[in-house]
PDB file of N, CA and C in Angstrom:
ATOM      1  N   MET A   1     107.964  86.809 142.887  1.00  0.00           N
ATOM      2  CA  MET A   1     107.299  86.093 142.257  1.00  0.00           C
ATOM      3  C   MET A   1     107.966  84.922 142.148  1.00  0.00           C
ATOM      4  N   SER A   2     107.147  83.723 142.167  1.00  0.00           N
ATOM      5  CA  SER A   2     107.791  82.585 142.108  1.00  0.00           C
ATOM      6  C   SER A   2     108.097  81.892 140.654  1.00  0.00           C
ATOM      7  N   LEU A   3     108.467  80.969 140.593  1.00  0.00           N
ATOM      8  CA  LEU A   3     108.699  80.133 139.180  1.00  0.00           C
ATOM      9  C   LEU A   3     107.571  79.739 138.667  1.00  0.00           C
ATOM     10  N   PHE A   4     106.431  79.251 139.437  1.00  0.00           N
ATOM     11  CA  PHE A   4     105.052  79.122 138.791  1.00  0.00           C
ATOM     12  C   PHE A   4     104.673  79.986 138.256  1.00  0.00           C
ATOM     13  N   ASP A   5     104.605  81.475 139.088  1.00  0.00           N
ATOM     14  CA  ASP A   5     103.972  82.611 138.776  1.00  0.00           C
ATOM     15  C   ASP A   5     104.733  83.054 137.275  1.00  0.00           C
ATOM     16  N   ILE A   6     105.816  82.846 137.202  1.00  0.00           N
ATOM     17  CA  ILE A   6     106.670  83.366 136.169  1.00  0.00           C
ATOM     18  C   ILE A   6     106.008  82.493 134.841  1.00  0.00           C
ATOM     19  N   LEU A   7     106.035  81.065 135.130  1.00  0.00           N
ATOM     20  CA  LEU A   7     105.694  80.249 133.972  1.00  0.00           C
ATOM     21  C   LEU A   7     104.099  80.508 133.328  1.00  0.00           C
ATOM     22  N   ALA A   8     103.300  80.880 134.380  1.00  0.00           N
ATOM     23  CA  ALA A   8     101.932  81.231 134.128  1.00  0.00           C
ATOM     24  C   ALA A   8     101.594  82.308 133.275  1.00  0.00           C
ATOM     25  N   LYS A   9     102.453  83.284 133.766  1.00  0.00           N
ATOM     26  CA  LYS A   9     102.478  84.652 133.003  1.00  0.00           C
ATOM     27  C   LYS A   9     103.107  84.211 131.589  1.00  0.00           C
ATOM     28  N   SER A  10     103.956  83.659 131.608  1.00  0.00           N
ATOM     29  CA  SER A  10     104.627  83.311 130.032  1.00  0.00           C
ATOM     30  C   SER A  10     103.424  82.908 129.175  1.00  0.00           C
ATOM     31  N   GLY A  11     102.791  81.939 129.927  1.00  0.00           N
ATOM     32  CA  GLY A  11     101.674  81.184 129.098  1.00  0.00           C
ATOM     33  C   GLY A  11     100.616  82.016 128.558  1.00  0.00           C
ATOM     34  N   GLN A  12     100.495  83.066 129.594  1.00  0.00           N
ATOM     35  CA  GLN A  12      99.202  84.068 129.356  1.00  0.00           C
ATOM     36  C   GLN A  12      99.851  85.011 128.103  1.00  0.00           C
ATOM     37  N   ILE A  13     100.974  85.447 128.410  1.00  0.00           N
ATOM     38  CA  ILE A  13     101.529  86.312 127.042  1.00  0.00           C
ATOM     39  C   ILE A  13     101.600  85.362 125.689  1.00  0.00           C
ATOM     40  N   LYS A  14     101.990  84.383 125.799  1.00  0.00           N
ATOM     41  CA  LYS A  14     102.108  83.710 124.441  1.00  0.00           C
ATOM     42  C   LYS A  14     100.624  83.353 123.941  1.00  0.00           C
ATOM     43  N   GLU A  15      99.595  83.364 124.661  1.00  0.00           N
ATOM     44  CA  GLU A  15      98.217  83.423 124.358  1.00  0.00           C
ATOM     45  C   GLU A  15      97.789  84.411 123.847  1.00  0.00           C
ATOM     46  N   MET A  16      98.257  85.672 124.542  1.00  0.00           N
ATOM     47  CA  MET A  16      98.062  86.839 124.032  1.00  0.00           C
ATOM     48  C   MET A  16      98.490  87.311 122.768  1.00  0.00           C
ATOM     49  N   VAL A  17      99.959  86.760 122.392  1.00  0.00           N
ATOM     50  CA  VAL A  17     100.367  86.978 121.118  1.00  0.00           C
ATOM     51  C   VAL A  17      99.776  86.177 120.095  1.00  0.00           C
ATOM     52  N   GLU A  18      99.249  84.969 120.116  1.00  0.00           N
ATOM     53  CA  GLU A  18      98.755  84.170 119.498  1.00  0.00           C
ATOM     54  C   GLU A  18      97.363  84.870 119.106  1.00  0.00           C
ATOM     55  N   ARG A  19      96.653  85.271 120.076  1.00  0.00           N
ATOM     56  CA  ARG A  19      95.505  86.012 119.513  1.00  0.00           C
ATOM     57  C   ARG A  19      95.576  87.194 118.723  1.00  0.00           C
ATOM     58  N   PHE A  20      96.650  88.010 119.092  1.00  0.00           N
ATOM     59  CA  PHE A  20      97.180  89.127 118.219  1.00  0.00           C
ATOM     60  C   PHE A  20      97.399  88.767 116.737  1.00  0.00           C
ATOM     61  N   LYS A  21      98.375  87.729 116.983  1.00  0.00           N
ATOM     62  CA  LYS A  21      98.487  87.186 115.566  1.00  0.00           C
ATOM     63  C   LYS A  21      97.195  87.157 114.476  1.00  0.00           C
ATOM     64  N   ARG A  22      96.286  86.352 115.205  1.00  0.00           N
ATOM     65  CA  ARG A  22      95.223  85.580 114.292  1.00  0.00           C
ATOM     66  C   ARG A  22      94.478  87.097 114.246  1.00  0.00           C
ATOM     67  N   SER A  23      94.403  88.271 115.262  1.00  0.00           N
ATOM     68  CA  SER A  23      93.257  89.360 114.695  1.00  0.00           C
ATOM     69  C   SER A  23      94.220  90.166 113.661  1.00  0.00           C
ATOM     70  N   LEU A  24      95.392  90.209 113.523  1.00  0.00           N
ATOM     71  CA  LEU A  24      95.974  90.638 112.452  1.00  0.00           C
ATOM     72  C   LEU A  24      95.877  90.241 110.904  1.00  0.00           C
ATOM     73  N   LYS A  25      95.515  88.880 111.108  1.00  0.00           N
ATOM     74  CA  LYS A  25      95.186  88.077 109.776  1.00  0.00           C
ATOM     75  C   LYS A  25      93.715  88.383 109.681  1.00  0.00           C
ATOM     76  N   GLU A  26      92.730  88.489 110.134  1.00  0.00           N
ATOM     77  CA  GLU A  26      91.313  88.908 110.004  1.00  0.00           C
ATOM     78  C   GLU A  26      90.827  90.355 109.767  1.00  0.00           C
ATOM     79  N   GLU A  27      91.738  91.307 109.882  1.00  0.00           N
ATOM     80  CA  GLU A  27      91.618  92.561 109.621  1.00  0.00           C
ATOM     81  C   GLU A  27      92.414  93.204 108.143  1.00  0.00           C
ATOM     82  N   TYR A  28      91.572  93.734 107.464  1.00  0.00           N
ATOM     83  CA  TYR A  28      92.243  94.249 105.934  1.00  0.00           C
ATOM     84  C   TYR A  28      92.393  95.703 106.178  1.00  0.00           C
ATOM     85  N   VAL A  29      93.416  96.228 105.137  1.00  0.00           N
ATOM     86  CA  VAL A  29      93.611  97.432 104.829  1.00  0.00           C
ATOM     87  C   VAL A  29      93.959  97.581 103.084  1.00  0.00           C
ATOM     88  N   GLU A  30      93.381  98.682 102.749  1.00  0.00           N
ATOM     89  CA  GLU A  30      93.618  98.796 101.205  1.00  0.00           C
ATOM     90  C   GLU A  30      94.746 100.069 101.053  1.00  0.00           C
ATOM     91  N   GLY A  31      95.331  99.846  99.862  1.00  0.00           N
ATOM     92  CA  GLY A  31      96.194 100.757  99.371  1.00  0.00           C
ATOM     93  C   GLY A  31      96.083 101.032  97.763  1.00  0.00           C
ATOM     94  N   SER A  32      96.005 102.016  97.634  1.00  0.00           N
ATOM     95  CA  SER A  32      95.601 102.507  96.132  1.00  0.00           C
ATOM     96  C   SER A  32      96.563 103.651  95.666  1.00  0.00           C
ATOM     97  N   ALA A  33      96.428 103.545  94.076  1.00  0.00           N
ATOM     98  CA  ALA A  33      97.417 104.810  93.513  1.00  0.00           C
ATOM     99  C   ALA A  33      96.719 104.872  92.253  1.00  0.00           C
ATOM    100  N   GLY A  34      97.007 105.959  91.438  1.00  0.00           N
ATOM    101  CA  GLY A  34      96.448 106.373  90.068  1.00  0.00           C
ATOM    102  C   GLY A  34      94.826 106.724  90.172  1.00  0.00           C
ATOM    103  N   GLY A  35      94.449 107.364  91.278  1.00  0.00           N
ATOM    104  CA  GLY A  35      93.078 107.554  91.428  1.00  0.00           C
ATOM    105  C   GLY A  35      92.297 106.360  91.916  1.00  0.00           C
ATOM    106  N   GLY A  36      92.873 105.199  92.476  1.00  0.00           N
ATOM    107  CA  GLY A  36      92.017 103.895  92.442  1.00  0.00           C
ATOM    108  C   GLY A  36      92.201 103.353  91.423  1.00  0.00           C
ATOM    109  N   MET A  37      93.105 103.439  90.363  1.00  0.00           N
ATOM    110  CA  MET A  37      93.236 102.346  89.230  1.00  0.00           C
ATOM    111  C   MET A  37      93.811 101.146  89.427  1.00  0.00           C
ATOM    112  N   VAL A  38      94.656 101.113  90.397  1.00  0.00           N
ATOM    113  CA  VAL A  38      95.286  99.897  91.247  1.00  0.00           C
ATOM    114  C   VAL A  38      95.030  99.970  92.677  1.00  0.00           C
ATOM    115  N   VAL A  39      94.489  98.910  93.068  1.00  0.00           N
ATOM    116  CA  VAL A  39      94.253  98.809  94.823  1.00  0.00           C
ATOM    117  C   VAL A  39      94.517  97.422  94.982  1.00  0.00           C
ATOM    118  N   VAL A  40      95.383  97.760  96.162  1.00  0.00           N
ATOM    119  CA  VAL A  40      95.709  96.495  96.620  1.00  0.00           C
ATOM    120  C   VAL A  40      95.205  96.218  98.277  1.00  0.00           C
ATOM    121  N   ARG A  41      94.759  95.231  98.546  1.00  0.00           N
ATOM    122  CA  ARG A  41      93.999  94.677  99.547  1.00  0.00           C
ATOM    123  C   ARG A  41      95.044  93.709 100.343  1.00  0.00           C
ATOM    124  N   MET A  42      95.335  94.000 101.502  1.00  0.00           N
ATOM    125  CA  MET A  42      96.219  93.369 102.569  1.00  0.00           C
ATOM    126  C   MET A  42      95.946  93.017 103.942  1.00  0.00           C
ATOM    127  N   ASN A  43      95.875  92.115 104.435  1.00  0.00           N
ATOM    128  CA  ASN A  43      95.756  91.983 105.837  1.00  0.00           C
ATOM    129  C   ASN A  43      96.811  92.830 106.881  1.00  0.00           C
ATOM    130  N   GLY A  44      96.612  92.544 108.329  1.00  0.00           N
ATOM    131  CA  GLY A  44      97.439  93.155 109.062  1.00  0.00           C
ATOM    132  C   GLY A  44      98.602  92.453 109.333  1.00  0.00           C
ATOM    133  N   ALA A  45      98.814  91.119 108.736  1.00  0.00           N
ATOM    134  CA  ALA A  45     100.069  90.526 108.802  1.00  0.00           C
ATOM    135  C   ALA A  45     100.821  90.766 107.656  1.00  0.00           C
ATOM    136  N   MET A  46     100.269  91.917 106.778  1.00  0.00           N
ATOM    137  CA  MET A  46     101.112  92.042 105.435  1.00  0.00           C
ATOM    138  C   MET A  46     100.880  91.127 104.336  1.00  0.00           C
ATOM    139  N   GLU A  47      99.928  90.197 104.277  1.00  0.00           N
ATOM    140  CA  GLU A  47     100.149  89.141 103.353  1.00  0.00           C
ATOM    141  C   GLU A  47      99.064  89.917 102.198  1.00  0.00           C
ATOM    142  N   ILE A  48      99.208  90.021 101.021  1.00  0.00           N
ATOM    143  CA  ILE A  48      98.472  90.539  99.858  1.00  0.00           C
ATOM    144  C   ILE A  48      97.358  89.520  99.693  1.00  0.00           C
ATOM    145  N   ALA A  49      95.836  89.967  99.904  1.00  0.00           N
ATOM    146  CA  ALA A  49      94.774  89.251  99.715  1.00  0.00           C
ATOM    147  C   ALA A  49      94.508  89.210  98.057  1.00  0.00           C
ATOM    148  N   SER A  50      94.591  90.610  97.363  1.00  0.00           N
ATOM    149  CA  SER A  50      93.990  91.075  96.238  1.00  0.00           C
ATOM    150  C   SER A  50      94.887  92.108  95.633  1.00  0.00           C
ATOM    151  N   VAL A  51      95.309  92.222  94.194  1.00  0.00           N
ATOM    152  CA  VAL A  51      95.021  93.310  93.672  1.00  0.00           C
ATOM    153  C   VAL A  51      94.415  93.654  92.530  1.00  0.00           C
ATOM    154  N   LYS A  52      93.918  94.742  92.388  1.00  0.00           N
ATOM    155  CA  LYS A  52      92.842  94.960  91.426  1.00  0.00           C
ATOM    156  C   LYS A  52      93.386  96.143  90.281  1.00  0.00           C
ATOM    157  N   VAL A  53      93.308  95.838  89.130  1.00  0.00           N
ATOM    158  CA  VAL A  53      94.061  96.888  88.102  1.00  0.00           C
ATOM    159  C   VAL A  53      92.645  97.161  87.169  1.00  0.00           C
ATOM    160  N   ASP A  54      92.342  98.473  87.199  1.00  0.00           N
ATOM    161  CA  ASP A  54      91.141  98.906  86.260  1.00  0.00           C
ATOM    162  C   ASP A  54      91.594  98.658  84.728  1.00  0.00           C
ATOM    163  N   PRO A  55      90.679  97.882  84.139  1.00  0.00           N
ATOM    164  CA  PRO A  55      90.976  97.411  82.809  1.00  0.00           C
ATOM    165  C   PRO A  55      91.452  98.678  81.738  1.00  0.00           C
ATOM    166  N   GLU A  56      90.754  99.828  82.180  1.00  0.00           N
ATOM    167  CA  GLU A  56      91.304 101.011  81.459  1.00  0.00           C
ATOM    168  C   GLU A  56      92.733 101.070  81.482  1.00  0.00           C
ATOM    169  N   VAL A  57      93.594 100.945  82.788  1.00  0.00           N
ATOM    170  CA  VAL A  57      95.011 101.105  82.674  1.00  0.00           C
ATOM    171  C   VAL A  57      95.753 100.106  81.854  1.00  0.00           C
ATOM    172  N   LEU A  58      95.361  99.060  82.022  1.00  0.00           N
ATOM    173  CA  LEU A  58      95.783  98.163  80.808  1.00  0.00           C
ATOM    174  C   LEU A  58      95.863  98.366  79.517  1.00  0.00           C
ATOM    175  N   ALA A  59      94.957  99.314  79.123  1.00  0.00           N
ATOM    176  CA  ALA A  59      94.599  99.407  77.826  1.00  0.00           C
ATOM    177  C   ALA A  59      95.507 100.870  77.397  1.00  0.00           C
ATOM    178  N   ASP A  60      95.533 101.746  78.703  1.00  0.00           N
ATOM    179  CA  ASP A  60      96.455 103.067  78.144  1.00  0.00           C
ATOM    180  C   ASP A  60      97.937 103.136  78.624  1.00  0.00           C
ATOM    181  N   CYS A  61      98.390 102.318  79.673  1.00  0.00           N
ATOM    182  CA  CYS A  61      99.787 102.485  80.172  1.00  0.00           C
ATOM    183  C   CYS A  61     100.555 101.448  79.699  1.00  0.00           C
ATOM    184  N   ASP A  62     101.951 101.567  80.004  1.00  0.00           N
ATOM    185  CA  ASP A  62     102.985 100.955  79.463  1.00  0.00           C
ATOM    186  C   ASP A  62     103.347 100.076  80.915  1.00  0.00           C
ATOM    187  N   ALA A  63     103.993  98.844  80.527  1.00  0.00           N
ATOM    188  CA  ALA A  63     104.264  98.167  81.800  1.00  0.00           C
ATOM    189  C   ALA A  63     104.997  98.805  82.870  1.00  0.00           C
ATOM    190  N   GLU A  64     105.969  99.670  82.545  1.00  0.00           N
ATOM    191  CA  GLU A  64     106.515 100.459  83.793  1.00  0.00           C
ATOM    192  C   GLU A  64     105.879 101.363  84.341  1.00  0.00           C
ATOM    193  N   MET A  65     104.723 102.018  83.926  1.00  0.00           N
ATOM    194  CA  MET A  65     103.866 102.782  84.714  1.00  0.00           C
ATOM    195  C   MET A  65     103.119 101.953  85.381  1.00  0.00           C
ATOM    196  N   LEU A  66     102.594 100.656  84.961  1.00  0.00           N
ATOM    197  CA  LEU A  66     101.751  99.708  85.706  1.00  0.00           C
ATOM    198  C   LEU A  66     102.439  99.440  87.091  1.00  0.00           C
ATOM    199  N   GLY A  67     103.877  99.079  86.572  1.00  0.00           N
ATOM    200  CA  GLY A  67     104.592  98.649  87.779  1.00  0.00           C
ATOM    201  C   GLY A  67     104.819  99.507  88.854  1.00  0.00           C
ATOM    202  N   ASP A  68     105.066 100.821  88.540  1.00  0.00           N
ATOM    203  CA  ASP A  68     105.124 101.859  89.289  1.00  0.00           C
ATOM    204  C   ASP A  68     103.498 102.333  90.288  1.00  0.00           C
ATOM    205  N   LEU A  69     102.569 102.049  89.341  1.00  0.00           N
ATOM    206  CA  LEU A  69     101.202 102.164  90.116  1.00  0.00           C
ATOM    207  C   LEU A  69     100.962 101.008  91.204  1.00  0.00           C
ATOM    208  N   ILE A  70     101.272  99.544  90.694  1.00  0.00           N
ATOM    209  CA  ILE A  70     101.541  98.598  91.938  1.00  0.00           C
ATOM    210  C   ILE A  70     102.262  98.902  93.161  1.00  0.00           C
ATOM    211  N   ALA A  71     103.549  99.527  92.721  1.00  0.00           N
ATOM    212  CA  ALA A  71     104.622  99.757  94.003  1.00  0.00           C
ATOM    213  C   ALA A  71     103.861 100.801  94.872  1.00  0.00           C
ATOM    214  N   ALA A  72     103.396 101.653  94.272  1.00  0.00           N
ATOM    215  CA  ALA A  72     102.470 102.607  95.005  1.00  0.00           C
ATOM    216  C   ALA A  72     101.505 101.982  95.869  1.00  0.00           C
ATOM    217  N   ALA A  73     100.784 101.389  95.285  1.00  0.00           N
ATOM    218  CA  ALA A  73      99.686 100.781  95.930  1.00  0.00           C
ATOM    219  C   ALA A  73     100.011  99.710  97.308  1.00  0.00           C
ATOM    220  N   VAL A  74     100.782  99.032  96.871  1.00  0.00           N
ATOM    221  CA  VAL A  74     101.488  98.190  97.992  1.00  0.00           C
ATOM    222  C   VAL A  74     101.968  98.907  98.880  1.00  0.00           C
ATOM    223  N   SER A  75     103.011  99.896  98.395  1.00  0.00           N
ATOM    224  CA  SER A  75     103.607 100.943  99.748  1.00  0.00           C
ATOM    225  C   SER A  75     102.525 101.274 100.557  1.00  0.00           C
ATOM    226  N   GLN A  76     101.404 101.705 100.039  1.00  0.00           N
ATOM    227  CA  GLN A  76     100.561 102.614 100.968  1.00  0.00           C
ATOM    228  C   GLN A  76      99.828 101.432 101.801  1.00  0.00           C
ATOM    229  N   ALA A  77      99.411 100.063 101.326  1.00  0.00           N
ATOM    230  CA  ALA A  77      98.931  99.455 101.867  1.00  0.00           C
ATOM    231  C   ALA A  77      99.779  98.876 103.243  1.00  0.00           C
ATOM    232  N   VAL A  78     100.821  98.722 102.817  1.00  0.00           N
ATOM    233  CA  VAL A  78     102.028  98.403 103.952  1.00  0.00           C
ATOM    234  C   VAL A  78     102.206  99.523 104.998  1.00  0.00           C
ATOM    235  N   ASP A  79     102.061 100.821 104.649  1.00  0.00           N
ATOM    236  CA  ASP A  79     101.976 101.730 105.752  1.00  0.00           C
ATOM    237  C   ASP A  79     100.646 101.876 106.432  1.00  0.00           C
ATOM    238  N   ARG A  80      99.499 101.555 105.805  1.00  0.00           N
ATOM    239  CA  ARG A  80      98.243 101.256 106.739  1.00  0.00           C
ATOM    240  C   ARG A  80      98.256  99.972 107.528  1.00  0.00           C
ATOM    241  N   ALA A  81      98.760  98.567 107.072  1.00  0.00           N
ATOM    242  CA  ALA A  81      98.989  97.766 107.767  1.00  0.00           C
ATOM    243  C   ALA A  81      99.929  97.782 108.999  1.00  0.00           C
ATOM    244  N   LYS A  82     100.986  98.501 108.625  1.00  0.00           N
ATOM    245  CA  LYS A  82     101.848  99.224 109.992  1.00  0.00           C
ATOM    246  C   LYS A  82     100.756  99.879 111.045  1.00  0.00           C
ATOM    247  N   ASP A  83     100.336 100.672 110.652  1.00  0.00           N
ATOM    248  CA  ASP A  83      99.499 101.695 111.442  1.00  0.00           C
ATOM    249  C   ASP A  83      98.382 100.496 112.229  1.00  0.00           C
ATOM    250  N   LEU A  84      97.893  99.607 111.419  1.00  0.00           N
ATOM    251  CA  LEU A  84      96.868  98.481 112.044  1.00  0.00           C
ATOM    252  C   LEU A  84      97.516  97.890 113.167  1.00  0.00           C
ATOM    253  N   PHE A  85      98.628  97.618 112.780  1.00  0.00           N
ATOM    254  CA  PHE A  85      99.731  96.758 113.996  1.00  0.00           C
ATOM    255  C   PHE A  85     100.048  97.554 115.006  1.00  0.00           C
ATOM    256  N   GLY A  86     100.366  98.602 114.857  1.00  0.00           N
ATOM    257  CA  GLY A  86     100.454  99.814 115.960  1.00  0.00           C
ATOM    258  C   GLY A  86      99.172  99.669 116.988  1.00  0.00           C
ATOM    259  N   LYS A  87      98.065 100.139 116.421  1.00  0.00           N
ATOM    260  CA  LYS A  87      96.710 100.189 116.833  1.00  0.00           C
ATOM    261  C   LYS A  87      96.566  98.816 117.825  1.00  0.00           C
ATOM    262  N   LYS A  88      96.466  97.693 116.917  1.00  0.00           N
ATOM    263  CA  LYS A  88      96.108  96.450 117.691  1.00  0.00           C
ATOM    264  C   LYS A  88      97.105  96.087 118.889  1.00  0.00           C
ATOM    265  N   PHE A  89      98.543  96.589 118.695  1.00  0.00           N
ATOM    266  CA  PHE A  89      99.461  96.182 119.835  1.00  0.00           C
ATOM    267  C   PHE A  89      99.193  97.136 120.896  1.00  0.00           C
ATOM    268  N   GLY A  90      98.991  98.467 120.615  1.00  0.00           N
ATOM    269  CA  GLY A  90      98.533  99.538 121.864  1.00  0.00           C
ATOM    270  C   GLY A  90      97.459  98.615 122.390  1.00  0.00           C
ATOM    271  N   GLU A  91      96.407  98.268 121.742  1.00  0.00           N
ATOM    272  CA  GLU A  91      95.241  97.877 122.702  1.00  0.00           C
ATOM    273  C   GLU A  91      95.597  96.458 123.567  1.00  0.00           C
ATOM    274  N   MET A  92      96.739  95.954 123.222  1.00  0.00           N
ATOM    275  CA  MET A  92      97.009  94.901 124.333  1.00  0.00           C
ATOM    276  C   MET A  92      97.837  95.649 125.476  1.00  0.00           C
ATOM    277  N   GLY A  93      98.257  96.565 125.718  1.00  0.00           N
ATOM    278  CA  GLY A  93      98.656  97.234 126.920  1.00  0.00           C
ATOM    279  C   GLY A  93     100.101  96.787 127.267  1.00  0.00           C
ATOM    280  N   LEU A  94     100.894  96.327 126.578  1.00  0.00           N
ATOM    281  CA  LEU A  94     102.061  95.812 127.086  1.00  0.00           C
ATOM    282  C   LEU A  94     103.114  96.760 127.509  1.00  0.00           C
ATOM    283  N   GLY A  95     102.820  98.120 126.696  1.00  0.00           N
ATOM    284  CA  GLY A  95     103.704  98.965 127.254  1.00  0.00           C
ATOM    285  C   GLY A  95     105.098  99.100 126.588  1.00  0.00           C
ATOM    286  N   VAL A  96     105.168  98.583 125.319  1.00  0.00           N
ATOM    287  CA  VAL A  96     106.251  98.572 124.262  1.00  0.00           C
ATOM    288  C   VAL A  96     106.043  99.021 123.408  1.00  0.00           C
ATOM    289  N   ASP A  97     106.886  99.640 122.470  1.00  0.00           N
ATOM    290  CA  ASP A  97     106.830 100.533 121.240  1.00  0.00           C
ATOM    291  C   ASP A  97     106.516  99.568 120.138  1.00  0.00           C
ATOM    292  N   PRO A  98     105.634  99.318 119.457  1.00  0.00           N
ATOM    293  CA  PRO A  98     105.614  98.650 118.391  1.00  0.00           C
ATOM    294  C   PRO A  98     106.394  98.743 117.443  1.00  0.00           C
ATOM    295  N   SER A  99     106.901  99.720 117.267  1.00  0.00           N
ATOM    296  CA  SER A  99     108.093 100.314 116.292  1.00  0.00           C
ATOM    297  C   SER A  99     109.063  99.303 116.335  1.00  0.00           C
ATOM    298  N   MET A 100     109.241  98.941 117.273  1.00  0.00           N
ATOM    299  CA  MET A 100     110.646  98.086 117.800  1.00  0.00           C
ATOM    300  C   MET A 100     110.620  96.728 117.195  1.00  0.00           C
ATOM    301  N   LEU A 101     109.476  96.493 117.214  1.00  0.00           N
ATOM    302  CA  LEU A 101     109.032  95.017 116.507  1.00  0.00           C
ATOM    303  C   LEU A 101     109.045  95.024 115.140  1.00  0.00           C
ATOM    304  N   MET A 102     108.927  96.079 114.341  1.00  0.00           N
ATOM    305  CA  MET A 102     108.453  96.221 112.741  1.00  0.00           C
ATOM    306  C   MET A 102     109.745  96.778 112.317  1.00  0.00           C
ATOM    307  N   GLY A 103     110.159  96.510 111.424  1.00  0.00           N
ATOM    308  CA  GLY A 103     111.454  96.854 110.713  1.00  0.00           C
ATOM    309  C   GLY A 103     111.369  98.339 109.855  1.00  0.00           C
TER     310      GLY A 103
END
């Protein structure tokens, strides 16, 4: 393989990675806790888009319980975003284990 071939390939890989990053930002997952009382919406790049809290929760629970519900919903959303990352990465067909790229 010539230097030109290597450089051309690296440009293609860079383009694939950029498309991959964009696609992660365009797909969303949700995590919920308390039977849907708290719902966190996050994109595949793990950016939180929204947090919805049922008003009933605010009336009935203390701050510690609300914090626990939010933490559980975020954790579930992160797990789902990681699954989405793995799925989308697998579609790229690079033959690399995506778990090696995520902490």
